[in-house]
Protein backbone atom coordinates (compact mmCIF):
# COMPACT_ATOMS: atom_id res chain seq x y z
CA MET A 1 124.33 106.40 96.83
CA LYS A 2 126.17 105.25 93.73
CA GLY A 3 124.87 101.68 94.16
CA ALA A 4 121.29 102.85 94.59
CA LYS A 5 121.50 104.86 91.38
CA ASN A 6 122.36 101.74 89.36
CA MET A 7 119.86 99.51 91.16
CA ASN A 8 117.16 100.21 88.57
CA LYS A 9 119.36 98.65 85.87
CA ASP A 10 119.46 95.36 87.79
CA PHE A 11 115.68 94.98 87.64
CA ILE A 12 113.83 93.19 84.86
CA HIS A 13 111.26 95.48 83.24
CA THR A 14 107.92 93.87 82.45
CA GLU A 15 104.31 94.82 81.84
CA GLU A 16 101.13 92.92 82.73
CA ASN A 17 97.57 94.11 82.16
CA GLY A 18 98.81 97.59 81.33
CA ILE A 19 100.83 97.91 84.57
CA LYS A 20 104.61 98.36 84.34
CA TYR A 21 106.69 96.47 86.89
CA LEU A 22 110.27 96.08 87.99
CA VAL A 23 111.10 92.47 88.90
CA HIS A 24 114.01 91.52 91.12
CA PRO A 25 116.51 89.43 89.11
CA GLU A 26 117.68 85.88 89.66
CA GLY A 27 120.12 85.65 92.56
CA SER A 28 118.52 88.47 94.52
CA ILE A 29 117.10 87.62 97.94
CA PHE A 30 113.90 89.15 96.54
CA GLU A 31 114.10 87.13 93.30
CA GLY A 32 110.89 87.33 91.28
CA MET A 33 109.26 89.96 93.50
CA LYS A 34 107.40 92.58 91.44
CA ILE A 35 107.13 96.24 92.31
CA ARG A 36 105.36 98.87 90.29
CA GLU A 37 107.54 101.25 88.31
CA ASN A 38 105.29 104.03 89.61
CA PRO A 39 104.25 103.34 93.24
CA GLU A 40 101.87 106.34 93.13
CA ASP A 41 99.65 104.29 90.80
CA ALA A 42 99.39 101.63 93.52
CA PHE A 43 98.35 104.27 96.04
CA ASP A 44 95.83 105.83 93.64
CA ASN A 45 94.30 102.41 93.06
CA ALA A 46 94.23 101.54 96.79
CA ILE A 47 92.59 104.85 97.68
CA LYS A 48 89.88 104.20 95.07
CA ARG A 49 89.45 100.75 96.63
CA GLY A 50 88.99 102.16 100.14
CA MET A 51 92.44 102.80 101.65
CA LYS A 52 92.22 105.23 104.56
CA ASN A 53 95.13 107.42 105.72
CA PRO A 54 97.52 106.61 102.83
CA ASP A 55 100.34 108.51 104.57
CA ASP A 56 100.38 105.73 107.18
CA TRP A 57 101.18 103.04 104.60
CA MET A 58 104.20 101.95 102.54
CA TYR A 59 103.81 100.27 99.16
CA MET A 60 105.76 97.00 99.29
CA TYR A 61 105.09 94.85 96.21
CA SER A 62 102.46 93.45 93.82
CA GLU A 63 101.42 89.84 93.36
CA ASN A 64 98.49 87.95 91.83
CA GLY A 65 96.63 91.10 90.77
CA LYS A 66 96.94 92.82 94.16
CA ASP A 67 99.09 95.62 95.57
CA TYR A 68 100.47 95.04 99.08
CA PHE A 69 101.09 97.76 101.65
CA LYS A 70 102.65 97.72 105.11
CA HIS A 71 101.48 100.01 107.90
CA TYR A 72 104.31 102.23 109.23
CA PHE A 73 103.55 101.69 112.90
CA SER A 74 101.76 98.35 113.31
CA ARG A 75 103.73 96.63 110.50
CA CYS A 76 100.56 94.78 109.43
CA TYR A 77 100.00 94.18 105.72
CA ARG A 78 96.94 94.98 103.65
CA SER A 79 96.27 94.27 99.99
CA TYR A 80 94.01 95.90 97.41
CA PRO A 81 92.93 94.40 94.08
CA GLN A 82 94.33 96.17 91.05
CA PHE A 83 92.03 97.72 88.51
CA GLY A 84 92.05 95.67 85.35
CA VAL A 85 92.41 97.07 81.86
CA ILE A 86 88.63 97.07 81.31
CA GLU A 87 88.04 99.02 84.54
CA LYS A 88 90.75 101.53 83.56
CA ILE A 89 89.08 102.10 80.17
CA LYS A 90 85.65 102.52 81.77
CA ASN A 91 87.04 105.01 84.30
CA LYS A 92 88.79 106.98 81.54
CA ILE A 93 85.59 107.16 79.48
CA GLN A 94 83.59 108.32 82.51
CA ARG A 95 86.17 111.05 83.30
CA GLU A 96 86.05 112.31 79.70
CA ARG A 97 82.25 112.69 79.69
């Protein structure tokens, strides 16, 4: 497990549209692939966008404003658009009312 503990240090930390990502570094077989620092945010977003049975899905990565998930059993992929900054602000205002 020692290698897994240090894996986070190998990622490049970045933020786009208010979402924090870890990006696989140059030389990795997954070079450039972005994953959310907090995968629960991807699930929360997907559920709001219509995901059914979230326990049946694995968050895989994010690309072009979408979060991608793979089904545990069928292995098929599904994507959900990410909420933008404006949508996040509107949702926060509505919750506070």
